Amino acid sequence: MKSQFLLDPNITFLNHGSFGACPKPIFDEYQRLQSELENEPVYFILKKQAEYLKIAKERLAKYIGCNANDFFFTPNPTYAVNTIMRSLD
């Protein structure tokens, strides 16, 4: 499992909650998308971003067994909890 992370192999890293590291395959994909964004920022933000989010929602919905319209992405957990709390009467 340690080989899947970029962490120093001589350190036992326990703080994966607040400051967790990304597994290498996720980091590699992040870098690929970052390069695509930097290559043509306006096109990426206005066209590709929505397409990528739609694909991600469809794949996640299939994985968890629900409809892609039954959930939404948020920037972070605090935003998600705040959204839920504000929707309650």
Protein backbone atom coordinates (compact mmCIF):
# COMPACT_ATOMS: atom_id res chain seq x y z
CA MET A 1 0.00 0.00 0.00
CA LYS A 2 2.81 2.45 0.83
CA SER A 3 4.14 2.09 -2.71
CA GLN A 4 0.93 3.71 -4.00
CA PHE A 5 1.82 7.05 -2.38
CA LEU A 6 4.52 9.66 -2.93
CA LEU A 7 5.18 9.89 0.82
CA ASP A 8 8.67 9.48 2.25
CA PRO A 9 9.00 5.70 2.81
CA ASN A 10 11.01 6.32 5.98
CA ILE A 11 8.07 8.04 7.69
CA THR A 12 4.90 6.42 9.03
CA PHE A 13 2.28 8.97 7.99
CA LEU A 14 -0.91 8.80 10.05
CA ASN A 15 -2.72 12.05 9.24
CA HIS A 16 -4.76 10.97 6.22
CA GLY A 17 -7.84 12.86 7.44
CA SER A 18 -6.82 16.51 7.41
CA PHE A 19 -3.75 16.43 5.20
CA GLY A 20 -3.93 13.11 3.40
CA ALA A 21 -1.78 12.36 0.38
CA CYS A 22 -3.19 11.23 -2.96
CA PRO A 23 -2.40 7.78 -4.31
CA LYS A 24 0.00 7.95 -7.28
CA PRO A 25 -2.60 7.08 -9.98
CA ILE A 26 -4.90 9.85 -8.75
CA PHE A 27 -2.03 12.33 -8.55
CA ASP A 28 -0.95 11.40 -12.09
CA GLU A 29 -4.47 11.98 -13.43
CA TYR A 30 -4.66 15.28 -11.52
CA GLN A 31 -1.38 16.36 -13.16
CA ARG A 32 -2.69 15.36 -16.59
CA LEU A 33 -5.84 17.42 -16.10
CA GLN A 34 -3.85 20.35 -14.72
CA SER A 35 -1.68 20.30 -17.86
CA GLU A 36 -4.77 20.20 -20.05
CA LEU A 37 -6.19 23.18 -18.15
CA GLU A 38 -2.96 25.15 -18.45
CA ASN A 39 -2.72 24.39 -22.16
CA GLU A 40 -6.04 26.08 -22.99
CA PRO A 41 -7.65 27.53 -19.82
CA VAL A 42 -10.75 29.18 -21.27
CA TYR A 43 -11.75 26.18 -23.38
CA PHE A 44 -11.15 23.83 -20.46
CA ILE A 45 -13.23 25.86 -17.98
CA LEU A 46 -16.07 26.69 -20.39
CA LYS A 47 -16.33 23.36 -22.24
CA LYS A 48 -14.28 20.47 -20.88
CA GLN A 49 -14.90 20.94 -17.15
CA ALA A 50 -18.66 20.35 -17.41
CA GLU A 51 -18.08 17.33 -19.65
CA TYR A 52 -15.59 15.81 -17.19
CA LEU A 53 -17.91 16.41 -14.23
CA LYS A 54 -20.80 14.76 -16.09
CA ILE A 55 -18.68 11.70 -16.86
CA ALA A 56 -17.49 11.53 -13.23
CA LYS A 57 -21.08 11.74 -11.94
CA GLU A 58 -22.26 9.02 -14.30
CA ARG A 59 -19.41 6.70 -13.32
CA LEU A 60 -19.86 7.33 -9.61
CA ALA A 61 -23.63 6.83 -9.85
CA LYS A 62 -23.11 3.51 -11.59
CA TYR A 63 -20.54 2.47 -8.97
CA ILE A 64 -22.78 3.27 -5.99
CA GLY A 65 -25.98 2.13 -7.71
CA CYS A 66 -28.01 5.31 -7.99
CA ASN A 67 -29.11 7.87 -10.55
CA ALA A 68 -26.61 10.62 -11.39
CA ASN A 69 -29.33 13.19 -10.68
CA ASP A 70 -29.70 11.96 -7.08
CA PHE A 71 -26.50 13.64 -5.84
CA PHE A 72 -24.22 16.58 -6.50
CA PHE A 73 -20.57 17.46 -6.08
CA THR A 74 -19.45 20.11 -3.60
CA PRO A 75 -16.09 21.82 -3.20
CA ASN A 76 -15.51 20.25 0.24
CA PRO A 77 -17.27 18.46 3.13
CA THR A 78 -17.96 21.69 5.04
CA TYR A 79 -19.83 23.09 2.05
CA ALA A 80 -21.80 19.84 1.76
CA VAL A 81 -22.85 19.79 5.41
CA ASN A 82 -23.74 23.49 5.28
CA THR A 83 -25.92 22.87 2.20
CA ILE A 84 -27.75 20.04 3.96
CA MET A 85 -28.23 22.00 7.18
CA ARG A 86 -29.61 25.04 5.33
CA SER A 87 -32.10 22.83 3.50
CA LEU A 88 -33.67 21.60 6.74
CA ASP A 89 -36.67 23.40 8.17
